[in-house]
Amino acid sequence: MTTEFDEIVDFLIIGSGGGSMCAALVMRDAGKSVLIIEKSSLVGGTTAKSGGVMWIPNNVFLKRDGIEDSAEKAMTYLDHVVGDAADAPGASRARRETYVRQAPRMVDFLLRQGVRLNRAKYWPDYYDERPGGLKPGRTVIADLFDINELGPWKAKMRPGFMPVPATLEEAFLIPYMRRSWASRRILGRIALRALKAKLTGKSYVSAGAALQGRMLQAALRAGVAIRTESPALSLLTQDGRVTGAVTRKDGMEWRIGARLGVLVNAGGFARNQDMRDRYQPGTRAEWSNVIESDTGEMIQEMMRMGAAVAQMEEMVGYQSTIPPGQERADIKPPAQSLTGKPHAILVDQSGQRYQNEGGSYMAYCKAMLERHRQVPAVPSWAIFDSQYIANYMLAGTMPGRKKPDAWIEKGYLRRADSVEALAIQIGVAPAALAATIRRFNGFVDQGRDEDFHRGERAYDDWLGDPFHKPSKSLGRIDVAPFYAVPVVPGDVGTYGGVVTDSNARVLRPDGTIIPGLYATGVSTASVMGRAYPGAGSSIGPSFTWGYVAALHATGLRQTE
């Protein structure tokens, strides 16, 4: 309990990821003072180095483009994908309804604040075949951003993952430049954009860096105070209410009071191996793509305050294949579409397929970990042939047979002139792998994957090859040499944390609130439960619950 502070603001936000600056903008719009404290030296959180997309149902851009959606349709979809489960309280029906109602309002608010957003033209919901699913998708993205507009704050913005001034949709088509005039035109457009930027002194960023760059610009313009290298050491309380936090300033402890409350948006625990061992056994911190400071202290601190936690065993799985020399890379080479492309499959260590290789990356990694409990499947093996090598990217390299010599020398990339010889190299019974590939090739010939239905939904095809006929997703594995690389269940963040209500207030195990304490992002048990309905199902909720928390804390508008 304390009444003495070194500094007092209306609202204190811990962490600078997805929802932080959104909440701060709401506070400033209401005329309140707000301070964001960030543990690291860089602003933007994992959001900045991500794809930076938000899953927003019934958004203004869908209406603009004449694509039918509604709150009712989105709820139907979430009912069939997320469902109701007593062990997933973050995804209660009341919270899902609030999300569906408030997410599009949050986007409208950001547009009024001058944050330039748009929709991805085609990014299907991950379960688009289910009732309420939307084939064009509900994904909202930020326009490209000239990071030079941040001035001195440019140096404090966490870099993104794309080194070229291309939108995500453009980047997806670049690997097809040898086979598509449309892709070549896009590459030309990107080159001209880069040249023009160089001549005019601009430096464009895309994806998460663009989203967070625009959010940071809007926050600074609105007068939001942001302090880096300022970790939250503990929360402060008085008479059972959270009233602020202890941080560090100039090497000394610094006590910050918060009149209206504290919002925790400090990430999850993806980089904390001890917490992973407790809640997510079999997963590894070094496989994660999140930032180095995502270590779970604030979840532990909220638990010390009496907060309930749930869904801690869940993560946003993101399958990865990690070549020699990239074990410590900030962004591991993704394998999201590796085995979803034609001429490739995924097998466990017995040589058996065990899932649809397309679809949600979260579902993919969950299936890998579940399979591993029965049959060794971590790592699993991506199996593909020379047709794949010639046409598609592999571990960040462009299409073509020339791959780094170290890949073969160090045993990462296995290559053989027959399926049976490849099987021996990866420790699989030759007859088993040969039978698996014969069965898959038979499915390709008949145009239907009878085992796992790959290619039967729009998202499977989106992950595939738009120029491959007759199926965008299915292609025979029959042209030597044959190849294999290991695939592990990486992630882009954990998915469990403290339980919050429909106003983003942190709850105790008995369902009562902890006054003055709000939370959003992956510090919380996700509103999406144990599923990932579409691209941006982490960032969209992070922004939305930050928005909701700030609205509630101002007392100007209630969301109940």
Protein backbone atom coordinates (compact mmCIF):
# COMPACT_ATOMS: atom_id res chain seq x y z
CA MET A 1 0.00 0.00 0.00
CA THR A 2 1.34 3.44 -0.86
CA THR A 3 0.28 7.05 -1.27
CA GLU A 4 3.68 8.48 -2.21
CA PHE A 5 4.62 8.84 -5.87
CA ASP A 6 7.47 10.44 -7.75
CA GLU A 7 5.15 11.18 -10.67
CA ILE A 8 1.39 11.00 -11.28
CA VAL A 9 -0.50 10.61 -14.57
CA ASP A 10 -4.09 9.80 -15.36
CA PHE A 11 -3.33 6.49 -17.07
CA LEU A 12 -0.22 4.34 -17.06
CA ILE A 13 0.45 1.82 -19.83
CA ILE A 14 3.08 -0.89 -19.40
CA GLY A 15 4.54 -2.02 -22.72
CA SER A 16 4.47 -0.40 -26.17
CA GLY A 17 3.07 -3.23 -28.30
CA GLY A 18 -0.14 -3.47 -30.31
CA GLY A 19 -2.82 -1.96 -28.09
CA SER A 20 -0.73 0.50 -26.08
CA MET A 21 -0.71 3.51 -28.35
CA CYS A 22 -4.34 2.85 -29.29
CA ALA A 23 -5.33 3.11 -25.61
CA ALA A 24 -3.11 6.17 -25.23
CA LEU A 25 -4.83 7.91 -28.14
CA VAL A 26 -8.23 7.32 -26.52
CA MET A 27 -6.94 8.86 -23.31
CA ARG A 28 -5.53 11.91 -25.06
CA ASP A 29 -8.74 12.29 -27.05
CA ALA A 30 -10.53 12.49 -23.68
CA GLY A 31 -8.07 15.11 -22.46
CA LYS A 32 -6.28 12.80 -20.04
CA SER A 33 -2.55 12.50 -19.38
CA VAL A 34 -0.99 9.16 -20.26
CA LEU A 35 2.45 7.60 -20.01
CA ILE A 36 3.71 4.49 -21.82
CA ILE A 37 6.70 2.79 -20.22
CA GLU A 38 8.68 0.30 -22.27
CA LYS A 39 11.20 -2.19 -20.84
CA SER A 40 13.44 -2.31 -23.90
CA SER A 41 15.24 0.47 -25.74
CA LEU A 42 12.88 0.16 -28.73
CA VAL A 43 9.20 0.99 -29.17
CA GLY A 44 6.63 -1.19 -30.92
CA GLY A 45 6.83 -4.62 -29.33
CA THR A 46 6.54 -7.83 -31.31
CA THR A 47 3.78 -6.10 -33.33
CA ALA A 48 6.43 -3.96 -35.04
CA LYS A 49 8.34 -6.98 -36.37
CA SER A 50 5.20 -8.94 -37.28
CA GLY A 51 2.98 -8.85 -40.33
CA GLY A 52 1.09 -6.07 -38.56
CA VAL A 53 -2.38 -7.20 -39.58
CA MET A 54 -5.61 -7.02 -37.58
CA TRP A 55 -8.62 -9.34 -37.85
CA ILE A 56 -11.53 -6.86 -37.75
CA PRO A 57 -15.04 -8.12 -38.56
CA ASN A 58 -17.60 -5.85 -40.21
CA ASN A 59 -15.01 -3.17 -40.85
CA VAL A 60 -15.50 0.04 -42.80
CA PHE A 61 -13.35 -1.15 -45.70
CA LEU A 62 -15.52 -4.20 -46.32
CA LYS A 63 -18.53 -1.89 -46.50
CA ARG A 64 -16.66 0.45 -48.85
CA ASP A 65 -15.83 -2.43 -51.19
CA GLY A 66 -19.32 -3.92 -51.16
CA ILE A 67 -18.37 -7.10 -49.31
CA GLU A 68 -21.16 -8.35 -47.09
CA ASP A 69 -20.38 -8.79 -43.42
CA SER A 70 -22.14 -8.09 -40.14
CA ALA A 71 -21.73 -8.53 -36.42
CA GLU A 72 -24.16 -11.44 -36.60
CA LYS A 73 -22.20 -13.16 -39.37
CA ALA A 74 -18.92 -12.67 -37.50
CA MET A 75 -20.43 -14.08 -34.30
CA THR A 76 -21.69 -17.11 -36.22
CA TYR A 77 -18.16 -17.65 -37.49
CA LEU A 78 -16.58 -17.30 -34.04
CA ASP A 79 -19.22 -19.61 -32.58
CA HIS A 80 -18.16 -22.32 -35.05
CA VAL A 81 -14.40 -21.72 -34.76
CA VAL A 82 -13.89 -20.64 -31.15
CA GLY A 83 -17.01 -22.00 -29.48
CA ASP A 84 -17.81 -22.01 -25.78
CA ALA A 85 -15.48 -23.82 -23.40
CA ALA A 86 -15.33 -23.54 -19.63
CA ASP A 87 -11.55 -23.85 -19.72
CA ALA A 88 -11.20 -20.86 -22.07
CA PRO A 89 -12.74 -17.98 -20.08
CA GLY A 90 -10.92 -15.38 -22.18
CA ALA A 91 -13.23 -16.37 -25.02
CA SER A 92 -16.54 -16.11 -23.18
CA ARG A 93 -19.50 -15.25 -25.34
CA ALA A 94 -19.80 -11.84 -23.68
CA ARG A 95 -16.20 -11.02 -24.59
CA ARG A 96 -16.61 -12.29 -28.16
CA GLU A 97 -19.71 -10.12 -28.58
CA THR A 98 -17.86 -7.11 -27.22
CA TYR A 99 -14.96 -7.75 -29.57
CA VAL A 100 -17.16 -8.04 -32.63
CA ARG A 101 -18.95 -4.80 -31.70
CA GLN A 102 -15.93 -2.75 -30.62
CA ALA A 103 -13.23 -3.83 -33.11
CA PRO A 104 -14.71 -1.94 -36.08
CA ARG A 105 -15.33 1.09 -33.84
CA MET A 106 -11.68 0.99 -32.84
CA VAL A 107 -10.65 1.12 -36.50
CA ASP A 108 -13.01 4.04 -37.12
CA PHE A 109 -11.44 5.86 -34.16
CA LEU A 110 -7.90 5.33 -35.50
CA LEU A 111 -8.93 6.62 -38.92
CA ARG A 112 -10.26 9.79 -37.24
CA GLN A 113 -6.87 10.11 -35.53
CA GLY A 114 -5.18 10.16 -38.93
CA VAL A 115 -3.82 6.59 -38.89
CA ARG A 116 -3.93 5.39 -42.50
CA LEU A 117 -5.34 1.88 -42.70
CA ASN A 118 -6.89 -0.26 -45.41
CA ARG A 119 -7.97 -3.83 -45.96
CA ALA A 120 -6.04 -6.65 -47.54
CA LYS A 121 -7.86 -7.28 -50.80
CA TYR A 122 -7.81 -11.06 -50.41
CA TRP A 123 -6.69 -12.84 -47.24
CA PRO A 124 -9.25 -15.56 -46.47
CA ASP A 125 -10.41 -16.36 -42.97
CA TYR A 126 -8.51 -19.45 -41.83
CA TYR A 127 -11.70 -21.54 -41.59
CA ASP A 128 -13.57 -19.86 -44.42
CA GLU A 129 -15.56 -23.02 -45.12
CA ARG A 130 -17.36 -22.79 -41.78
CA PRO A 131 -20.62 -20.84 -41.27
CA GLY A 132 -19.95 -17.11 -41.22
CA GLY A 133 -16.47 -17.48 -42.76
CA LEU A 134 -15.45 -14.82 -45.24
CA LYS A 135 -13.40 -15.83 -48.27
CA PRO A 136 -12.04 -12.32 -48.97
CA GLY A 137 -11.12 -12.12 -45.30
CA ARG A 138 -11.52 -9.52 -42.55
CA THR A 139 -7.89 -8.41 -42.37
CA VAL A 140 -6.97 -4.73 -41.89
CA ILE A 141 -3.47 -3.46 -42.63
CA ALA A 142 -1.56 -0.18 -42.47
CA ASP A 143 -0.44 1.74 -45.54
CA LEU A 144 3.29 1.92 -46.21
CA PHE A 145 4.92 4.46 -43.89
CA ASP A 146 7.87 6.77 -44.34
CA ILE A 147 9.68 6.16 -41.09
CA ASN A 148 11.72 9.32 -41.57
CA GLU A 149 8.58 11.18 -40.53
CA LEU A 150 9.29 10.07 -36.96
CA GLY A 151 12.36 12.30 -36.77
CA PRO A 152 14.54 11.40 -33.78
CA TRP A 153 12.05 8.69 -32.76
CA LYS A 154 13.00 6.72 -35.87
CA ALA A 155 16.02 5.39 -33.98
CA LYS A 156 13.72 4.16 -31.20
CA MET A 157 11.29 2.32 -33.50
CA ARG A 158 11.75 -1.46 -33.54
CA PRO A 159 12.66 -2.55 -37.10
CA GLY A 160 10.31 -4.70 -39.13
CA PHE A 161 11.09 -7.86 -41.04
CA MET A 162 10.73 -6.63 -44.65
CA PRO A 163 13.73 -4.74 -46.06
CA VAL A 164 11.90 -3.64 -49.21
CA PRO A 165 9.14 -1.00 -49.63
CA ALA A 166 6.47 -3.53 -50.54
CA THR A 167 3.06 -4.24 -49.14
CA LEU A 168 2.47 -7.74 -47.82
CA GLU A 169 0.23 -8.51 -50.78
CA GLU A 170 2.98 -7.44 -53.19
CA ALA A 171 5.61 -9.41 -51.29
CA PHE A 172 3.57 -12.60 -51.56
CA LEU A 173 3.83 -12.45 -55.37
CA ILE A 174 7.54 -11.59 -55.70
CA PRO A 175 8.70 -15.27 -55.66
CA TYR A 176 6.63 -15.92 -58.80
CA MET A 177 8.46 -13.32 -60.90
CA ARG A 178 10.01 -15.97 -63.16
CA ARG A 179 6.61 -17.38 -64.04
CA SER A 180 4.23 -14.42 -64.00
CA TRP A 181 4.18 -11.10 -65.83
CA ALA A 182 1.94 -9.75 -63.06
CA SER A 183 4.64 -10.57 -60.51
CA ARG A 184 7.28 -8.91 -62.69
CA ARG A 185 5.18 -5.78 -62.94
CA ILE A 186 4.83 -5.74 -59.15
CA LEU A 187 8.60 -6.13 -58.78
CA GLY A 188 9.06 -3.21 -61.18
CA ARG A 189 6.60 -1.12 -59.17
CA ILE A 190 8.52 -1.86 -55.97
CA ALA A 191 11.83 -0.98 -57.63
CA LEU A 192 10.44 2.35 -58.87
CA ARG A 193 9.03 3.07 -55.41
CA ALA A 194 12.41 2.37 -53.84
CA LEU A 195 14.18 4.61 -56.37
CA LYS A 196 11.71 7.44 -55.88
CA ALA A 197 12.04 7.11 -52.12
CA LYS A 198 15.83 7.35 -52.37
CA LEU A 199 15.62 10.45 -54.56
CA THR A 200 13.13 12.16 -52.26
CA GLY A 201 14.74 11.20 -48.95
CA LYS A 202 12.02 8.80 -47.83
CA SER A 203 12.42 5.44 -46.11
CA TYR A 204 9.32 3.29 -46.44
CA VAL A 205 8.52 0.46 -44.06
CA SER A 206 5.75 -2.08 -44.35
CA ALA A 207 3.75 -4.60 -42.32
CA GLY A 208 4.09 -4.30 -38.54
CA ALA A 209 6.71 -1.57 -38.74
CA ALA A 210 4.28 0.53 -40.80
CA LEU A 211 1.41 -0.09 -38.40
CA GLN A 212 3.42 0.72 -35.29
CA GLY A 213 5.24 3.57 -37.01
CA ARG A 214 1.91 5.19 -37.83
CA MET A 215 0.64 4.54 -34.31
CA LEU A 216 3.76 6.06 -32.77
CA GLN A 217 3.47 9.11 -35.00
CA ALA A 218 -0.17 9.62 -34.00
CA ALA A 219 0.65 9.13 -30.32
CA LEU A 220 3.50 11.64 -30.36
CA ARG A 221 1.34 14.13 -32.24
CA ALA A 222 -1.37 13.72 -29.58
CA GLY A 223 1.04 14.40 -26.73
CA VAL A 224 1.46 10.87 -25.39
CA ALA A 225 4.52 10.53 -23.16
CA ILE A 226 6.64 7.47 -23.97
CA ARG A 227 9.62 6.32 -21.93
CA THR A 228 11.98 3.54 -23.09
CA GLU A 229 14.35 1.47 -20.95
CA SER A 230 11.80 1.79 -18.18
CA PRO A 231 10.78 -1.68 -16.98
CA ALA A 232 7.85 -2.11 -14.62
CA LEU A 233 9.30 -3.70 -11.49
CA SER A 234 6.05 -4.10 -9.56
CA LEU A 235 2.48 -2.85 -9.34
CA LEU A 236 1.42 -0.53 -6.52
CA THR A 237 -1.86 -0.83 -4.63
CA GLN A 238 -3.87 1.09 -2.07
CA ASP A 239 -6.93 -0.36 -0.34
CA GLY A 240 -7.04 -3.20 -2.86
CA ARG A 241 -6.88 -0.94 -5.91
CA VAL A 242 -3.96 -0.83 -8.34
CA THR A 243 -2.76 2.75 -8.24
CA GLY A 244 0.48 2.70 -10.20
CA ALA A 245 3.78 0.93 -10.69
CA VAL A 246 7.39 1.01 -9.68
CA THR A 247 9.73 1.45 -12.63
CA ARG A 248 13.34 2.43 -13.10
CA LYS A 249 14.42 5.90 -14.19
CA ASP A 250 18.02 7.02 -14.52
CA GLY A 251 19.09 3.86 -12.70
CA MET A 252 16.87 4.52 -9.70
CA GLU A 253 13.47 3.16 -8.65
CA TRP A 254 10.70 5.54 -9.68
CA ARG A 255 7.11 5.33 -8.41
CA ILE A 256 4.42 6.34 -10.88
CA GLY A 257 0.85 6.92 -9.77
CA ALA A 258 -2.12 6.43 -12.10
CA ARG A 259 -5.40 8.14 -11.20
CA LEU A 260 -7.58 6.20 -13.66
CA GLY A 261 -5.76 2.89 -13.77
CA VAL A 262 -2.91 0.84 -15.18
CA LEU A 263 -3.05 -1.05 -18.49
CA VAL A 264 -0.66 -3.99 -18.90
CA ASN A 265 0.30 -4.77 -22.47
CA ALA A 266 3.69 -6.28 -21.80
CA GLY A 267 3.59 -9.34 -24.03
CA GLY A 268 3.51 -12.97 -23.04
CA PHE A 269 6.20 -15.42 -21.95
CA ALA A 270 7.54 -16.80 -25.22
CA ARG A 271 11.15 -16.08 -24.24
CA ASN A 272 10.86 -17.52 -20.73
CA GLN A 273 11.85 -21.19 -20.96
CA ASP A 274 10.94 -21.90 -17.34
CA MET A 275 7.37 -20.72 -17.93
CA ARG A 276 7.25 -22.62 -21.21
CA ASP A 277 8.37 -25.79 -19.46
CA ARG A 278 5.61 -25.32 -16.90
CA TYR A 279 2.76 -24.41 -19.23
CA GLN A 280 3.87 -25.55 -22.72
CA PRO A 281 6.17 -28.55 -22.33
CA GLY A 282 7.93 -29.58 -25.50
CA THR A 283 8.17 -26.06 -26.91
CA ARG A 284 11.36 -24.01 -27.07
CA ALA A 285 12.04 -20.31 -26.55
CA GLU A 286 14.68 -20.40 -29.29
CA TRP A 287 12.03 -21.37 -31.85
CA SER A 288 10.02 -18.22 -31.12
CA ASN A 289 9.86 -15.14 -33.36
CA VAL A 290 8.91 -12.70 -30.60
CA ILE A 291 11.15 -9.96 -29.23
CA GLU A 292 13.80 -10.70 -26.65
CA SER A 293 11.97 -8.89 -23.83
CA ASP A 294 8.85 -11.10 -24.01
CA THR A 295 9.66 -12.86 -20.74
CA GLY A 296 6.44 -12.94 -18.74
CA GLU A 297 7.29 -10.86 -15.66
CA MET A 298 4.10 -8.81 -15.79
CA ILE A 299 1.92 -11.90 -16.03
CA GLN A 300 3.68 -13.17 -12.92
CA GLU A 301 3.25 -9.80 -11.22
CA MET A 302 -0.48 -9.73 -11.97
CA MET A 303 -0.73 -13.26 -10.58
CA ARG A 304 0.95 -11.92 -7.42
CA MET A 305 -1.84 -9.33 -7.32
CA GLY A 306 -4.33 -12.22 -7.31
CA ALA A 307 -5.18 -12.37 -11.02
CA ALA A 308 -6.61 -15.52 -12.54
CA VAL A 309 -4.79 -16.99 -15.54
CA ALA A 310 -6.10 -19.27 -18.25
CA GLN A 311 -5.26 -20.78 -21.65
CA MET A 312 -1.58 -20.73 -20.65
CA GLU A 313 -0.82 -23.87 -22.66
CA GLU A 314 -1.78 -22.13 -25.90
CA MET A 315 0.57 -20.33 -28.29
CA VAL A 316 0.22 -18.82 -31.73
CA GLY A 317 2.17 -21.58 -33.37
CA TYR A 318 4.13 -20.62 -36.46
CA GLN A 319 5.91 -23.54 -38.05
CA SER A 320 9.55 -22.88 -38.79
CA THR A 321 12.48 -24.50 -40.53
CA ILE A 322 15.80 -23.23 -39.21
CA PRO A 323 18.91 -23.56 -41.43
CA PRO A 324 22.47 -23.48 -40.11
CA GLY A 325 23.50 -20.01 -38.99
CA GLN A 326 19.96 -18.79 -38.35
CA GLU A 327 19.38 -20.42 -34.98
CA ARG A 328 19.62 -17.03 -33.24
CA ALA A 329 17.98 -14.96 -35.97
CA ASP A 330 15.30 -12.49 -34.84
CA ILE A 331 12.94 -13.89 -37.47
CA LYS A 332 13.19 -17.61 -38.16
CA PRO A 333 12.54 -18.65 -41.78
CA PRO A 334 8.82 -19.40 -41.84
CA ALA A 335 7.44 -22.67 -43.09
CA GLN A 336 3.84 -21.46 -43.17
CA SER A 337 3.41 -22.19 -46.86
CA LEU A 338 6.31 -24.63 -47.30
CA THR A 339 4.25 -27.80 -47.08
CA GLY A 340 1.10 -26.04 -48.29
CA LYS A 341 2.58 -25.57 -51.76
CA PRO A 342 2.22 -28.19 -54.53
CA HIS A 343 4.82 -30.98 -54.62
CA ALA A 344 5.31 -31.01 -50.83
CA ILE A 345 3.93 -32.73 -47.74
CA LEU A 346 4.69 -32.98 -44.02
CA VAL A 347 5.43 -36.33 -42.35
CA ASP A 348 6.22 -37.40 -38.80
CA GLN A 349 9.29 -39.43 -37.90
CA SER A 350 7.53 -42.63 -38.93
CA GLY A 351 6.99 -41.26 -42.44
CA GLN A 352 3.22 -40.68 -42.10
CA ARG A 353 1.20 -37.61 -43.04
CA TYR A 354 -0.96 -36.56 -40.11
CA GLN A 355 -2.68 -33.27 -41.00
CA ASN A 356 -3.77 -30.84 -43.68
CA GLU A 357 -0.54 -28.98 -44.43
CA GLY A 358 -2.44 -25.82 -45.37
CA GLY A 359 -4.59 -23.76 -43.05
CA SER A 360 -3.97 -21.99 -39.79
CA TYR A 361 -0.38 -22.00 -38.53
CA MET A 362 -1.70 -22.24 -34.97
CA ALA A 363 -3.67 -25.39 -35.86
CA TYR A 364 -0.63 -26.76 -37.72
CA CYS A 365 1.66 -26.49 -34.69
CA LYS A 366 -1.03 -27.76 -32.29
CA ALA A 367 -1.40 -30.83 -34.51
CA MET A 368 2.38 -31.34 -34.52
CA LEU A 369 2.59 -31.23 -30.73
CA GLU A 370 -0.45 -33.49 -30.33
CA ARG A 371 1.01 -35.98 -32.82
CA HIS A 372 4.30 -35.94 -30.92
CA ARG A 373 2.53 -37.37 -27.88
CA GLN A 374 1.76 -40.49 -29.91
CA VAL A 375 4.54 -40.70 -32.50
CA PRO A 376 7.80 -38.71 -32.63
CA ALA A 377 6.89 -35.62 -34.67
CA VAL A 378 9.11 -32.79 -33.34
CA PRO A 379 10.76 -32.16 -35.62
CA SER A 380 8.61 -33.32 -38.49
CA TRP A 381 9.93 -33.49 -42.03
CA ALA A 382 8.90 -31.41 -45.01
CA ILE A 383 9.22 -33.68 -48.04
CA PHE A 384 9.37 -32.18 -51.54
CA ASP A 385 10.85 -32.74 -54.97
CA SER A 386 12.72 -30.86 -57.68
CA GLN A 387 9.54 -29.25 -58.97
CA TYR A 388 9.18 -27.56 -55.60
CA ILE A 389 12.82 -26.43 -55.52
CA ALA A 390 12.51 -24.94 -59.00
CA ASN A 391 9.36 -22.94 -58.30
CA TYR A 392 9.14 -21.96 -54.64
CA MET A 393 11.13 -20.30 -51.88
CA LEU A 394 12.85 -22.40 -49.25
CA ALA A 395 13.96 -21.01 -45.88
CA GLY A 396 14.22 -17.48 -47.22
CA THR A 397 16.01 -18.38 -50.48
CA MET A 398 14.51 -17.72 -53.88
CA PRO A 399 13.37 -20.57 -56.17
CA GLY A 400 16.15 -22.57 -57.82
CA ARG A 401 18.38 -25.54 -57.07
CA LYS A 402 21.34 -23.50 -55.82
CA LYS A 403 21.25 -23.56 -52.02
CA PRO A 404 24.00 -22.82 -49.48
CA ASP A 405 26.58 -25.60 -49.33
CA ALA A 406 26.40 -25.56 -45.53
CA TRP A 407 22.78 -26.74 -45.72
CA ILE A 408 23.90 -30.09 -47.12
CA GLU A 409 27.19 -30.27 -45.23
CA LYS A 410 25.55 -29.74 -41.84
CA GLY A 411 22.65 -32.09 -42.52
CA TYR A 412 19.89 -29.50 -42.64
CA LEU A 413 18.85 -30.08 -46.26
CA ARG A 414 18.65 -33.79 -47.11
CA ARG A 415 18.79 -34.73 -50.79
CA ALA A 416 18.57 -38.08 -52.56
CA ASP A 417 17.85 -39.49 -56.00
CA SER A 418 15.03 -41.72 -54.73
CA VAL A 419 12.35 -41.53 -52.07
CA GLU A 420 13.74 -44.65 -50.43
CA ALA A 421 17.25 -43.17 -50.20
CA LEU A 422 15.82 -39.95 -48.76
CA ALA A 423 13.92 -41.98 -46.15
CA ILE A 424 17.16 -43.59 -44.97
CA GLN A 425 18.76 -40.16 -44.60
CA ILE A 426 15.98 -38.95 -42.28
CA GLY A 427 15.71 -42.18 -40.31
CA VAL A 428 12.36 -43.31 -41.72
CA ALA A 429 11.48 -46.77 -43.00
CA PRO A 430 11.85 -46.53 -46.81
CA ALA A 431 8.68 -48.52 -47.48
CA ALA A 432 6.66 -46.29 -45.19
CA LEU A 433 7.72 -43.02 -46.82
CA ALA A 434 7.31 -44.46 -50.30
CA ALA A 435 3.78 -45.62 -49.44
CA THR A 436 2.88 -42.20 -48.03
CA ILE A 437 4.04 -40.43 -51.19
CA ARG A 438 2.27 -42.95 -53.47
CA ARG A 439 -0.94 -42.37 -51.56
CA PHE A 440 -0.55 -38.59 -51.75
CA ASN A 441 0.23 -38.72 -55.46
CA GLY A 442 -2.92 -40.75 -55.97
CA PHE A 443 -4.92 -38.01 -54.27
CA VAL A 444 -3.28 -35.45 -56.55
CA ASP A 445 -4.24 -37.47 -59.61
CA GLN A 446 -7.88 -37.66 -58.56
CA GLY A 447 -7.92 -34.01 -57.45
CA ARG A 448 -9.00 -34.68 -53.87
CA ASP A 449 -7.05 -35.23 -50.65
CA GLU A 450 -9.23 -37.91 -49.07
CA ASP A 451 -7.18 -38.05 -45.88
CA PHE A 452 -7.04 -34.38 -44.84
CA HIS A 453 -8.99 -32.40 -47.50
CA ARG A 454 -6.13 -30.08 -48.34
CA GLY A 455 -7.16 -27.66 -51.06
CA GLU A 456 -10.86 -27.70 -50.25
CA ARG A 457 -11.00 -24.24 -48.69
CA ALA A 458 -9.98 -20.82 -49.95
CA TYR A 459 -7.23 -20.41 -47.37
CA ASP A 460 -5.50 -23.63 -48.46
CA ASP A 461 -5.43 -22.31 -52.02
CA TRP A 462 -4.21 -18.89 -50.82
CA LEU A 463 -1.19 -20.61 -49.24
CA GLY A 464 -0.61 -22.59 -52.42
CA ASP A 465 0.46 -21.46 -55.88
CA PRO A 466 -1.99 -19.22 -57.78
CA PHE A 467 -0.41 -20.29 -61.09
CA HIS A 468 -0.41 -24.07 -60.52
CA LYS A 469 -3.08 -26.03 -62.39
CA PRO A 470 -5.44 -27.70 -61.87
CA SER A 471 -4.96 -27.39 -58.09
CA LYS A 472 -3.29 -24.46 -56.36
CA SER A 473 -2.48 -26.69 -53.40
CA LEU A 474 -1.88 -30.25 -54.65
CA GLY A 475 0.99 -31.40 -56.85
CA ARG A 476 2.71 -34.76 -57.34
CA ILE A 477 6.02 -35.51 -55.61
CA ASP A 478 7.71 -37.51 -58.36
CA VAL A 479 10.66 -35.66 -59.92
CA ALA A 480 14.11 -36.50 -58.54
CA PRO A 481 16.12 -35.47 -56.68
CA PHE A 482 13.95 -35.49 -53.59
CA TYR A 483 14.48 -33.29 -50.54
CA ALA A 484 13.66 -33.00 -46.85
CA VAL A 485 14.11 -30.30 -44.19
CA PRO A 486 13.09 -30.39 -40.51
CA VAL A 487 10.07 -28.37 -39.34
CA VAL A 488 9.56 -27.37 -35.71
CA PRO A 489 6.54 -25.85 -33.88
CA GLY A 490 7.78 -22.27 -33.55
CA ASP A 491 5.54 -19.41 -32.55
CA VAL A 492 4.78 -15.71 -32.88
CA GLY A 493 3.68 -15.42 -29.27
CA THR A 494 2.00 -17.17 -26.39
CA TYR A 495 -1.81 -17.02 -26.24
CA GLY A 496 -2.69 -17.30 -22.56
CA GLY A 497 -2.45 -14.95 -19.64
CA VAL A 498 -4.61 -13.14 -17.12
CA VAL A 499 -8.39 -13.41 -17.43
CA THR A 500 -10.16 -10.15 -18.24
CA ASP A 501 -13.81 -9.13 -18.53
CA SER A 502 -15.65 -7.33 -21.32
CA ASN A 503 -14.13 -4.02 -20.19
CA ALA A 504 -10.58 -5.45 -20.20
CA ARG A 505 -10.47 -5.40 -16.38
CA VAL A 506 -8.31 -8.09 -14.79
CA LEU A 507 -10.26 -10.69 -12.81
CA ARG A 508 -9.53 -12.84 -9.78
CA PRO A 509 -10.29 -16.59 -9.83
CA ASP A 510 -13.66 -15.90 -8.18
CA GLY A 511 -14.65 -13.56 -11.02
CA THR A 512 -14.32 -10.31 -9.07
CA ILE A 513 -12.31 -7.49 -10.62
CA ILE A 514 -8.99 -6.13 -9.42
CA PRO A 515 -9.85 -2.42 -9.37
CA GLY A 516 -7.62 -0.17 -11.40
CA LEU A 517 -5.96 -2.98 -13.35
CA TYR A 518 -6.58 -3.52 -17.07
CA ALA A 519 -4.78 -5.78 -19.54
CA THR A 520 -4.66 -6.46 -23.26
CA GLY A 521 -2.59 -8.31 -25.86
CA VAL A 522 -0.91 -11.62 -25.15
CA SER A 523 -0.60 -10.67 -21.50
CA THR A 524 -4.20 -11.95 -21.41
CA ALA A 525 -6.14 -15.12 -22.11
CA SER A 526 -7.15 -14.60 -25.74
CA VAL A 527 -10.71 -13.76 -26.76
CA MET A 528 -10.10 -16.25 -29.58
CA GLY A 529 -9.76 -19.09 -27.07
CA ARG A 530 -7.80 -21.99 -28.52
CA ALA A 531 -8.14 -21.07 -32.19
CA TYR A 532 -6.89 -18.51 -34.69
CA PRO A 533 -9.82 -17.43 -36.85
CA GLY A 534 -7.87 -15.32 -39.32
CA ALA A 535 -4.79 -13.21 -39.97
CA GLY A 536 -4.41 -10.68 -37.17
CA SER A 537 -6.23 -12.59 -34.43
CA SER A 538 -3.62 -11.44 -31.90
CA ILE A 539 -3.02 -7.86 -32.97
CA GLY A 540 -6.68 -7.06 -33.65
CA PRO A 541 -7.69 -8.01 -30.09
CA SER A 542 -4.66 -6.24 -28.62
CA PHE A 543 -5.72 -2.97 -30.23
CA THR A 544 -9.39 -3.50 -29.48
CA TRP A 545 -9.03 -4.32 -25.78
CA GLY A 546 -6.64 -1.41 -25.38
CA TYR A 547 -9.33 0.79 -26.88
CA VAL A 548 -12.01 -0.74 -24.66
CA ALA A 549 -9.88 -0.43 -21.50
CA ALA A 550 -9.21 3.25 -22.12
CA LEU A 551 -12.88 3.96 -22.83
CA HIS A 552 -13.85 2.30 -19.58
CA ALA A 553 -11.16 4.02 -17.55
CA THR A 554 -12.18 7.47 -18.77
CA GLY A 555 -15.73 6.83 -17.57
CA LEU A 556 -17.01 8.72 -20.61
CA ARG A 557 -18.47 5.66 -22.28
CA GLN A 558 -19.23 2.24 -20.89
CA THR A 559 -18.95 -0.95 -22.93
CA GLU A 560 -21.13 -3.08 -20.70
